[in-house]
Amino acid sequence: MFSSLRTRLMIVYTLIIFMTIAAVDVLILNDYFRSRLQERTIAYFTYGNIAANLVSANLSDVFYISRALKQYTETTGARFLLIDNQSVVVSDGANHFTGELLTNPQVRKALSGSNSWAVYGNGEKNLQLAVPVTTGGRDSLDVVGAVLISADIGDLYASYRSLRWRVILISLLAGFLGMLFSFTAAHHLSRPLNRLIAFSRRLSRGHLGEQVYIKRNDEIGQLADTINKMSADLQRIEQNRRRFIGDVSHELKTPLASIKALVEALLMSNAPGEQYREFLEDVIGEVDRLSMLISRLLTLTRLEEERLNKEYLPLSDIVADTVRVMTPLAASHNVILENKTHMDIKVPCDKNLVREMLVNVIDNSIKYRDRAKAVNKIEITDFRTLDTYRLEISDNGIGIAGQDLPRIFEGFYRSEPSRSREIEGYGMGLSIVKRIADLHGWDVSAKSQPGRGTTIVLSIPLKFK
């Protein structure tokens, strides 16, 4: 029952609302009663001081004092009693306790020279105040008695109880309105989450690429955008996986079919020795193609778990070593390979992986040279900005169409011109380049125009400097 987020939110909101209302009610009611009781107490102390002064001025006229206290009793509704310094009631405005001994705490404190008050009674509430009656000057005051005031304050408690019930009723109404608000707020918060849960379940069942439309500017909206991006990424990964499997199957199937056809032809024919040799050379060529494909696949797999062995090395030295190794291959295809790097900048890198990356880029440029041109060139240049070192490998080959450019770093992707049978390859070289660059935290991009050539740009941040 309480596993639902909406239910828990509603319970939490309701508890907060009711606890807040209850706390406010208690504070308001207590403050109201204390202020009313204080007003009543101040008023009676004022009457008591007046009566004490009157008694002090007319100590010898007991009859006058008694008549005055009776008048105060009738006027205020409270009983006024005059008590001598032996705690005996000298005069009672209601004529009930005259001559009796009163020793309650208020009388004792008043006879010691202090004002005092207290509320008594479990049922009917009674406020008792005592004010000392003094004679003499400021420096020699003598307490000769006390004026005790006894007032019924049941009306205060009745007013407090009436107000309390009204406040409780209003609070309950506010609480129920708060519950309604809690339900609405919880539903508003949980509804998009329920949609995201349902959408995630659809993703888990294979409905990749779908989108959930939740237009919010809060964290839930950010979560929806993240899940939508994840859905698109999963669809792209799944498509790449299927295409990868299809391409690998196709690339493996072609040389295997060729090998099978050649072997069957050898078995079924009585060809002379030279023709046998030619057939076997073709078989070896197809086996070499399979070996190269498997090698590239192993390279991609290895790079997924590769740990870099980084050293601070001049990138120009690695470029020079790679150019020296690749120059014979370029020359065999009538391609001029030139190293025009000139900056001696050290970067943290894995020397072997960087060399492998450069070899793949240069090999691609050689493969995709423009055979119709008299001169084919590959140039490697470098320059730096404030915080970036850039290495550019440019050729004047066949180039890449604009619609193919964003996908050239995907595994097994080959643009239409590169699918020509004259151009050997599997579309894996640049995916290896991208993976090695990612491992180093570098950025690799491409610029190209069909018929004019391609430039691979390697951007290396220099924030480590």
Protein backbone atom coordinates (compact mmCIF):
# COMPACT_ATOMS: atom_id res chain seq x y z
CA MET A 1 0.00 0.00 0.00
CA PHE A 2 2.80 2.41 0.97
CA SER A 3 5.16 1.30 -1.80
CA SER A 4 3.63 3.84 -4.18
CA LEU A 5 5.55 7.09 -4.36
CA ARG A 6 2.31 9.02 -4.76
CA THR A 7 0.88 7.51 -1.55
CA ARG A 8 4.04 8.24 0.40
CA LEU A 9 4.21 11.80 -0.90
CA MET A 10 0.57 12.38 0.04
CA ILE A 11 1.14 10.99 3.56
CA VAL A 12 4.26 13.11 4.04
CA TYR A 13 2.58 16.29 2.77
CA THR A 14 -0.51 15.63 4.94
CA LEU A 15 1.57 15.03 8.06
CA ILE A 16 3.57 18.20 7.46
CA ILE A 17 0.40 20.24 6.95
CA PHE A 18 -1.39 18.86 10.03
CA MET A 19 1.68 19.13 12.26
CA THR A 20 2.26 22.71 11.12
CA ILE A 21 -1.39 23.65 11.69
CA ALA A 22 -1.40 21.98 15.12
CA ALA A 23 1.77 23.79 16.19
CA VAL A 24 0.40 27.13 15.01
CA ASP A 25 -2.92 26.48 16.76
CA VAL A 26 -1.24 25.71 20.07
CA LEU A 27 0.95 28.80 19.86
CA ILE A 28 -1.95 31.07 18.90
CA LEU A 29 -4.36 29.73 21.54
CA ASN A 30 -1.79 29.81 24.34
CA ASP A 31 -0.71 33.30 23.41
CA TYR A 32 -4.35 34.42 23.26
CA PHE A 33 -5.16 33.00 26.74
CA ARG A 34 -1.96 34.36 28.32
CA SER A 35 -2.63 37.85 26.95
CA ARG A 36 -6.25 37.83 28.14
CA LEU A 37 -5.23 36.55 31.59
CA GLN A 38 -2.49 39.16 31.79
CA GLU A 39 -4.96 41.92 30.93
CA ARG A 40 -7.33 40.70 33.65
CA THR A 41 -4.48 40.39 36.17
CA ILE A 42 -3.21 43.92 35.48
CA ALA A 43 -6.71 45.31 35.84
CA TYR A 44 -7.24 43.62 39.22
CA PHE A 45 -3.79 44.66 40.44
CA THR A 46 -4.78 48.22 39.57
CA TYR A 47 -7.96 47.86 41.65
CA GLY A 48 -5.97 46.22 44.43
CA ASN A 49 -3.41 49.05 44.60
CA ILE A 50 -6.21 51.61 44.69
CA ALA A 51 -7.92 49.71 47.49
CA ALA A 52 -4.62 49.31 49.40
CA ASN A 53 -3.98 53.05 49.18
CA LEU A 54 -7.54 53.76 50.36
CA VAL A 55 -7.08 51.40 53.32
CA SER A 56 -3.70 52.89 54.18
CA ALA A 57 -5.21 56.37 54.23
CA ASN A 58 -8.23 55.33 56.41
CA LEU A 59 -6.88 52.68 58.78
CA SER A 60 -8.92 53.99 61.72
CA ASP A 61 -12.25 54.00 59.84
CA VAL A 62 -13.10 50.32 59.46
CA PHE A 63 -16.70 51.06 58.50
CA TYR A 64 -15.61 53.26 55.61
CA ILE A 65 -13.15 50.65 54.48
CA SER A 66 -15.78 47.91 54.60
CA ARG A 67 -18.25 50.00 52.62
CA ALA A 68 -15.58 50.83 50.01
CA LEU A 69 -14.53 47.18 49.61
CA LYS A 70 -18.20 46.18 49.26
CA GLN A 71 -18.63 48.81 46.56
CA TYR A 72 -15.53 47.49 44.74
CA THR A 73 -16.94 43.97 44.99
CA GLU A 74 -20.26 45.01 43.47
CA THR A 75 -18.61 47.10 40.75
CA THR A 76 -15.96 44.62 39.54
CA GLY A 77 -17.65 41.32 40.29
CA ALA A 78 -14.61 40.23 42.35
CA ARG A 79 -14.43 39.82 46.12
CA PHE A 80 -12.22 42.32 48.00
CA LEU A 81 -10.95 41.31 51.45
CA LEU A 82 -8.85 43.27 53.93
CA ILE A 83 -6.48 41.13 56.00
CA ASP A 84 -4.44 42.42 58.93
CA ASN A 85 -0.81 41.60 59.59
CA GLN A 86 -1.92 38.50 61.59
CA SER A 87 -3.65 37.00 58.49
CA VAL A 88 -7.11 37.66 59.98
CA VAL A 89 -9.87 38.91 57.67
CA VAL A 90 -10.85 42.39 58.88
CA SER A 91 -13.36 43.13 56.15
CA ASP A 92 -14.95 41.04 53.41
CA GLY A 93 -16.80 42.71 50.56
CA ALA A 94 -19.15 39.71 50.47
CA ASN A 95 -19.33 39.39 54.30
CA HIS A 96 -18.41 35.67 54.26
CA PHE A 97 -14.92 35.41 55.77
CA THR A 98 -14.81 38.32 58.22
CA GLY A 99 -12.85 37.30 61.36
CA GLU A 100 -11.42 34.14 59.77
CA LEU A 101 -7.75 33.29 59.36
CA LEU A 102 -6.40 33.12 55.78
CA THR A 103 -2.88 31.86 55.20
CA ASN A 104 -2.74 31.04 51.51
CA PRO A 105 0.55 31.76 49.62
CA GLN A 106 -0.71 35.03 48.15
CA VAL A 107 -1.55 36.43 51.59
CA ARG A 108 1.81 35.38 53.01
CA LYS A 109 3.73 37.01 50.12
CA ALA A 110 1.66 40.21 50.41
CA LEU A 111 2.33 40.43 54.16
CA SER A 112 6.03 40.09 53.35
CA GLY A 113 5.73 43.12 51.07
CA SER A 114 5.30 41.56 47.56
CA ASN A 115 2.46 41.47 45.08
CA SER A 116 1.37 37.94 44.22
CA TRP A 117 -1.23 36.14 42.12
CA ALA A 118 -2.32 32.59 41.25
CA VAL A 119 -5.15 30.67 39.60
CA TYR A 120 -6.98 28.02 41.67
CA GLY A 121 -9.67 25.46 41.05
CA ASN A 122 -10.03 22.28 38.98
CA GLY A 123 -13.55 23.06 37.83
CA GLU A 124 -14.41 26.71 38.37
CA LYS A 125 -11.28 28.79 37.91
CA ASN A 126 -10.53 31.49 40.44
CA LEU A 127 -7.90 34.20 40.21
CA GLN A 128 -6.50 35.38 43.54
CA LEU A 129 -4.30 38.46 43.91
CA ALA A 130 -2.85 40.00 47.06
CA VAL A 131 -1.45 43.53 47.43
CA PRO A 132 0.36 44.68 50.62
CA VAL A 133 -1.08 47.61 52.67
CA THR A 134 1.77 49.79 53.86
CA THR A 135 2.25 52.87 56.05
CA GLY A 136 5.16 55.21 56.58
CA GLY A 137 7.59 56.90 54.21
CA ARG A 138 9.64 55.51 51.37
CA ASP A 139 12.57 54.71 53.65
CA SER A 140 10.52 53.13 56.48
CA LEU A 141 7.55 51.23 55.06
CA ASP A 142 5.57 49.04 57.42
CA VAL A 143 3.25 46.30 56.12
CA VAL A 144 0.11 46.51 58.21
CA GLY A 145 -2.07 44.20 56.14
CA ALA A 146 -3.05 43.05 52.67
CA VAL A 147 -5.87 43.43 50.18
CA LEU A 148 -6.89 40.05 48.76
CA ILE A 149 -8.91 39.96 45.53
CA SER A 150 -10.70 36.76 44.53
CA ALA A 151 -12.19 36.83 41.01
CA ASP A 152 -14.00 34.20 38.99
CA ILE A 153 -12.30 33.90 35.58
CA GLY A 154 -14.48 31.09 34.24
CA ASP A 155 -15.49 33.41 31.41
CA LEU A 156 -11.87 33.51 30.24
CA TYR A 157 -11.70 29.72 30.11
CA ALA A 158 -15.10 29.52 28.43
CA SER A 159 -13.95 32.02 25.82
CA TYR A 160 -10.70 30.03 25.38
CA ARG A 161 -12.60 26.76 24.90
CA SER A 162 -14.99 28.35 22.41
CA LEU A 163 -12.11 29.82 20.44
CA ARG A 164 -10.25 26.51 20.60
CA TRP A 165 -13.14 24.62 19.02
CA ARG A 166 -13.48 27.22 16.30
CA VAL A 167 -9.77 27.03 15.62
CA ILE A 168 -9.89 23.22 15.55
CA LEU A 169 -12.77 23.23 13.06
CA ILE A 170 -11.02 25.77 10.86
CA SER A 171 -7.78 23.77 11.13
CA LEU A 172 -9.55 20.55 10.17
CA LEU A 173 -11.03 22.29 7.14
CA ALA A 174 -7.59 23.65 6.25
CA GLY A 175 -6.13 20.19 6.83
CA PHE A 176 -8.60 18.55 4.45
CA LEU A 177 -7.88 21.22 1.87
CA GLY A 178 -4.20 20.48 2.45
CA MET A 179 -4.86 16.76 1.89
CA LEU A 180 -6.55 17.64 -1.39
CA PHE A 181 -3.56 19.74 -2.33
CA SER A 182 -1.24 16.89 -1.25
CA PHE A 183 -3.10 14.44 -3.46
CA THR A 184 -2.96 16.84 -6.41
CA ALA A 185 0.73 17.63 -5.89
CA ALA A 186 1.64 13.96 -5.42
CA HIS A 187 -0.30 13.02 -8.54
CA HIS A 188 1.37 15.84 -10.47
CA LEU A 189 4.81 14.62 -9.37
CA SER A 190 4.22 10.90 -9.78
CA ARG A 191 2.37 10.95 -13.11
CA PRO A 192 5.46 11.74 -15.24
CA LEU A 193 7.48 9.25 -13.19
CA ASN A 194 4.91 6.55 -13.94
CA ARG A 195 5.17 7.45 -17.62
CA LEU A 196 8.95 7.16 -17.42
CA ILE A 197 8.65 3.78 -15.71
CA ALA A 198 6.29 2.51 -18.42
CA PHE A 199 8.60 3.90 -21.11
CA SER A 200 11.65 2.24 -19.50
CA ARG A 201 9.81 -1.08 -19.53
CA ARG A 202 9.12 -0.64 -23.23
CA LEU A 203 12.82 0.03 -23.77
CA SER A 204 13.70 -3.14 -21.87
CA ARG A 205 11.39 -5.06 -24.22
CA GLY A 206 13.33 -3.80 -27.23
CA HIS A 207 11.35 -0.74 -28.36
CA LEU A 208 14.51 1.27 -28.91
CA GLY A 209 14.46 4.74 -30.44
CA GLU A 210 11.06 5.69 -29.03
CA GLN A 211 10.67 9.00 -27.19
CA VAL A 212 8.68 10.02 -24.13
CA TYR A 213 7.33 13.57 -24.28
CA ILE A 214 7.42 15.27 -20.87
CA LYS A 215 7.77 19.05 -21.09
CA ARG A 216 9.07 20.18 -17.72
CA ASN A 217 11.95 22.39 -16.65
CA ASP A 218 12.74 20.56 -13.40
CA GLU A 219 14.74 17.42 -12.56
CA ILE A 220 11.98 15.17 -13.94
CA GLY A 221 12.22 16.96 -17.29
CA GLN A 222 16.00 16.49 -17.24
CA LEU A 223 15.50 12.80 -16.45
CA ALA A 224 13.08 12.46 -19.39
CA ASP A 225 15.59 14.15 -21.73
CA THR A 226 18.34 11.82 -20.48
CA ILE A 227 16.17 8.72 -21.02
CA ASN A 228 15.22 9.95 -24.51
CA LYS A 229 18.89 10.41 -25.34
CA MET A 230 19.64 6.96 -23.94
CA SER A 231 16.86 5.48 -26.10
CA ALA A 232 18.32 7.12 -29.21
CA ASP A 233 21.84 5.99 -28.27
CA LEU A 234 20.67 2.43 -27.64
CA GLN A 235 18.92 2.38 -31.01
CA ARG A 236 22.07 3.64 -32.72
CA ILE A 237 24.21 1.08 -30.88
CA GLU A 238 21.79 -1.71 -31.80
CA GLN A 239 21.76 -0.62 -35.43
CA ASN A 240 25.56 -0.47 -35.44
CA ARG A 241 25.71 -3.90 -33.82
CA ARG A 242 23.44 -5.43 -36.42
CA ARG A 243 25.25 -3.69 -39.23
CA PHE A 244 28.58 -4.76 -37.70
CA ILE A 245 27.46 -8.39 -37.57
CA GLY A 246 26.13 -8.15 -41.13
CA ASP A 247 29.31 -6.53 -42.43
CA VAL A 248 31.55 -9.02 -40.64
CA SER A 249 29.46 -11.89 -41.98
CA HIS A 250 29.63 -10.45 -45.48
CA GLU A 251 33.36 -9.75 -45.31
CA LEU A 252 34.04 -13.27 -44.01
CA LYS A 253 31.69 -14.89 -46.46
CA THR A 254 33.27 -13.33 -49.56
CA PRO A 255 36.84 -14.67 -49.13
CA LEU A 256 35.54 -18.01 -47.84
CA ALA A 257 33.35 -18.37 -50.91
CA SER A 258 36.31 -17.49 -53.12
CA ILE A 259 38.55 -20.01 -51.36
CA LYS A 260 35.88 -22.70 -51.68
CA ALA A 261 35.41 -21.99 -55.40
CA LEU A 262 39.15 -22.07 -56.06
CA VAL A 263 39.67 -25.31 -54.15
CA GLU A 264 36.72 -26.96 -55.90
CA ALA A 265 38.11 -25.86 -59.26
CA LEU A 266 41.47 -27.38 -58.36
CA LEU A 267 39.84 -30.65 -57.32
CA MET A 268 37.67 -30.91 -60.43
CA SER A 269 40.21 -29.88 -63.06
CA ASN A 270 43.32 -31.38 -64.60
CA ALA A 271 45.00 -28.03 -64.96
CA PRO A 272 48.74 -27.82 -65.59
CA GLY A 273 51.14 -26.99 -62.76
CA GLU A 274 51.34 -23.28 -63.53
CA GLN A 275 47.56 -22.94 -63.31
CA TYR A 276 47.61 -24.86 -60.01
CA ARG A 277 50.17 -22.37 -58.73
CA GLU A 278 48.00 -19.45 -59.86
CA PHE A 279 44.96 -20.90 -58.10
CA LEU A 280 46.96 -21.47 -54.91
CA GLU A 281 48.26 -17.89 -55.01
CA ASP A 282 44.65 -16.69 -55.22
CA VAL A 283 43.78 -18.86 -52.22
CA ILE A 284 46.68 -17.34 -50.29
CA GLY A 285 45.43 -13.85 -51.21
CA GLU A 286 41.96 -14.61 -49.85
CA VAL A 287 43.49 -16.11 -46.69
CA ASP A 288 45.51 -12.89 -46.30
CA ARG A 289 42.27 -10.90 -46.58
CA LEU A 290 40.71 -13.04 -43.84
CA SER A 291 43.79 -12.63 -41.69
CA MET A 292 43.74 -8.83 -42.11
CA LEU A 293 40.03 -8.66 -41.27
CA ILE A 294 40.48 -10.79 -38.15
CA SER A 295 43.49 -8.68 -37.16
CA ARG A 296 41.41 -5.50 -37.43
CA LEU A 297 38.61 -7.07 -35.40
CA LEU A 298 41.07 -8.11 -32.71
CA THR A 299 42.49 -4.58 -32.68
CA LEU A 300 39.05 -3.08 -32.09
CA THR A 301 38.36 -5.60 -29.34
CA ARG A 302 41.73 -4.96 -27.71
CA LEU A 303 41.16 -1.21 -27.73
CA GLU A 304 37.93 -1.64 -25.78
CA GLU A 305 39.98 -2.86 -22.80
CA GLU A 306 43.27 -1.09 -23.53
CA ARG A 307 45.18 0.54 -20.71
CA LEU A 308 47.42 3.35 -21.85
CA ASN A 309 51.12 3.34 -21.15
CA LYS A 310 51.52 7.11 -21.22
CA GLU A 311 54.79 9.00 -21.48
CA TYR A 312 55.58 12.64 -22.20
CA LEU A 313 56.92 12.39 -25.74
CA PRO A 314 57.41 14.84 -28.65
CA LEU A 315 54.60 14.02 -31.06
CA SER A 316 56.80 15.19 -33.96
CA ASP A 317 59.21 12.31 -33.28
CA ILE A 318 56.39 9.75 -33.47
CA VAL A 319 55.19 11.37 -36.71
CA ALA A 320 58.70 11.23 -38.18
CA ASP A 321 59.08 7.52 -37.30
CA THR A 322 55.68 6.72 -38.81
CA VAL A 323 56.42 8.66 -42.00
CA ARG A 324 59.72 6.84 -42.39
CA VAL A 325 57.95 3.47 -42.09
CA MET A 326 55.04 4.40 -44.40
CA THR A 327 57.05 6.17 -47.13
CA PRO A 328 57.93 2.96 -49.05
CA LEU A 329 54.25 1.91 -49.11
CA ALA A 330 53.20 5.38 -50.29
CA ALA A 331 55.92 5.39 -52.99
CA SER A 332 54.77 1.98 -54.24
CA HIS A 333 51.39 3.58 -55.00
CA ASN A 334 52.93 6.75 -56.50
CA VAL A 335 51.92 8.85 -53.48
CA ILE A 336 54.21 11.56 -52.11
CA LEU A 337 54.25 11.51 -48.30
CA GLU A 338 55.61 14.70 -46.69
CA ASN A 339 56.20 15.47 -43.03
CA LYS A 340 55.92 19.24 -42.45
CA THR A 341 55.56 19.19 -38.66
CA HIS A 342 57.96 21.57 -36.90
CA MET A 343 56.79 21.97 -33.28
CA ASP A 344 58.65 20.21 -30.50
CA ILE A 345 55.70 19.81 -28.13
CA LYS A 346 55.61 16.96 -25.66
CA VAL A 347 52.25 15.37 -24.90
CA PRO A 348 51.30 12.48 -22.59
CA CYS A 349 50.56 9.56 -24.92
CA ASP A 350 50.99 5.86 -25.62
CA LYS A 351 53.67 5.79 -28.32
CA ASN A 352 52.61 2.49 -29.91
CA LEU A 353 48.91 3.39 -30.08
CA VAL A 354 49.64 6.85 -31.53
CA ARG A 355 51.85 5.26 -34.20
CA GLU A 356 49.05 2.77 -34.98
CA MET A 357 46.59 5.66 -35.27
CA LEU A 358 48.85 7.55 -37.70
CA VAL A 359 49.47 4.41 -39.75
CA ASN A 360 45.73 3.90 -40.18
CA VAL A 361 45.16 7.52 -41.28
CA ILE A 362 48.05 7.44 -43.78
CA ASP A 363 47.01 4.00 -45.04
CA ASN A 364 43.49 5.33 -45.64
CA SER A 365 44.86 8.29 -47.60
CA ILE A 366 46.93 5.94 -49.76
CA LYS A 367 43.96 3.63 -50.43
CA TYR A 368 41.61 6.46 -51.34
CA ARG A 369 44.01 8.33 -53.62
CA ASP A 370 42.62 9.78 -56.82
CA ARG A 371 43.97 7.56 -59.58
CA ALA A 372 42.93 10.12 -62.19
CA LYS A 373 45.38 12.71 -60.85
CA ALA A 374 48.97 12.91 -62.02
CA VAL A 375 50.29 13.63 -58.53
CA ASN A 376 48.90 12.23 -55.27
CA LYS A 377 50.18 13.80 -52.05
CA ILE A 378 49.81 13.38 -48.31
CA GLU A 379 50.99 16.21 -46.08
CA ILE A 380 51.30 16.19 -42.29
CA THR A 381 51.34 19.64 -40.65
CA ASP A 382 50.99 20.96 -37.12
CA PHE A 383 50.22 24.21 -35.32
CA ARG A 384 48.96 25.31 -31.93
CA THR A 385 46.47 27.75 -30.44
CA LEU A 386 46.45 29.04 -26.89
CA ASP A 387 45.44 25.71 -25.35
CA THR A 388 45.36 23.20 -28.23
CA TYR A 389 47.95 21.41 -30.37
CA ARG A 390 46.56 20.39 -33.79
CA LEU A 391 47.96 17.76 -36.11
CA GLU A 392 46.51 17.65 -39.64
CA ILE A 393 46.96 14.86 -42.18
CA SER A 394 45.77 16.11 -45.58
CA ASP A 395 45.57 14.39 -48.97
CA ASN A 396 44.29 15.26 -52.44
CA GLY A 397 42.42 11.99 -52.89
CA ILE A 398 38.88 11.23 -54.00
CA GLY A 399 37.35 12.96 -50.97
CA ILE A 400 34.21 12.13 -49.00
CA ALA A 401 30.64 13.23 -49.69
CA GLY A 402 29.03 15.54 -47.13
CA GLN A 403 26.31 13.04 -46.16
CA ASP A 404 28.96 10.38 -45.42
CA LEU A 405 31.35 12.59 -43.45
CA PRO A 406 29.60 12.30 -40.00
CA ARG A 407 29.76 8.48 -40.15
CA ILE A 408 33.30 7.76 -41.33
CA PHE A 409 34.50 6.98 -37.80
CA GLU A 410 31.92 4.19 -37.38
CA GLY A 411 33.14 0.63 -37.72
CA PHE A 412 32.68 -0.99 -41.18
CA TYR A 413 31.23 2.19 -42.64
CA ARG A 414 32.36 2.89 -46.22
CA SER A 415 31.06 5.62 -48.49
CA GLU A 416 29.81 4.64 -51.96
CA PRO A 417 33.00 5.54 -53.90
CA SER A 418 35.11 3.61 -51.40
CA ARG A 419 33.11 0.44 -52.05
CA SER A 420 34.79 0.08 -55.42
CA ARG A 421 36.44 -3.30 -55.90
CA GLU A 422 39.65 -1.46 -56.78
CA ILE A 423 39.87 -0.16 -53.19
CA GLU A 424 40.60 -2.81 -50.59
CA GLY A 425 39.37 -2.19 -47.09
CA TYR A 426 36.77 -2.94 -44.47
CA GLY A 427 35.87 0.52 -43.17
CA MET A 428 37.55 -0.16 -39.83
CA GLY A 429 40.69 2.01 -40.01
CA LEU A 430 39.10 5.29 -38.92
CA SER A 431 37.04 3.59 -36.18
CA ILE A 432 40.37 2.42 -34.72
CA VAL A 433 41.69 5.98 -35.03
CA LYS A 434 38.62 7.35 -33.19
CA ARG A 435 38.94 4.80 -30.39
CA ILE A 436 42.64 5.55 -29.82
CA ALA A 437 41.92 9.30 -29.79
CA ASP A 438 39.12 8.78 -27.26
CA LEU A 439 41.40 6.74 -25.02
CA HIS A 440 43.82 9.68 -24.92
CA GLY A 441 41.06 12.25 -24.39
CA TRP A 442 41.80 13.84 -27.78
CA ASP A 443 39.36 15.01 -30.42
CA VAL A 444 39.49 13.73 -34.00
CA SER A 445 37.48 15.21 -36.87
CA ALA A 446 37.48 15.31 -40.64
CA LYS A 447 37.13 17.92 -43.37
CA SER A 448 36.60 16.85 -46.97
CA GLN A 449 35.39 17.82 -50.44
CA PRO A 450 34.70 15.22 -53.12
CA GLY A 451 37.40 15.32 -55.79
CA ARG A 452 39.66 17.64 -53.77
CA GLY A 453 40.75 15.51 -50.84
CA THR A 454 40.35 14.92 -47.10
CA THR A 455 41.97 16.34 -43.96
CA ILE A 456 41.95 14.40 -40.67
CA VAL A 457 42.37 16.81 -37.75
CA LEU A 458 43.70 15.60 -34.40
CA SER A 459 43.16 18.18 -31.59
CA ILE A 460 45.18 17.67 -28.41
CA PRO A 461 44.41 19.84 -25.33
CA LEU A 462 47.44 21.45 -23.70
CA LYS A 463 45.87 22.07 -20.28
CA PHE A 464 48.46 19.73 -18.77
CA LYS A 465 51.21 22.21 -19.66
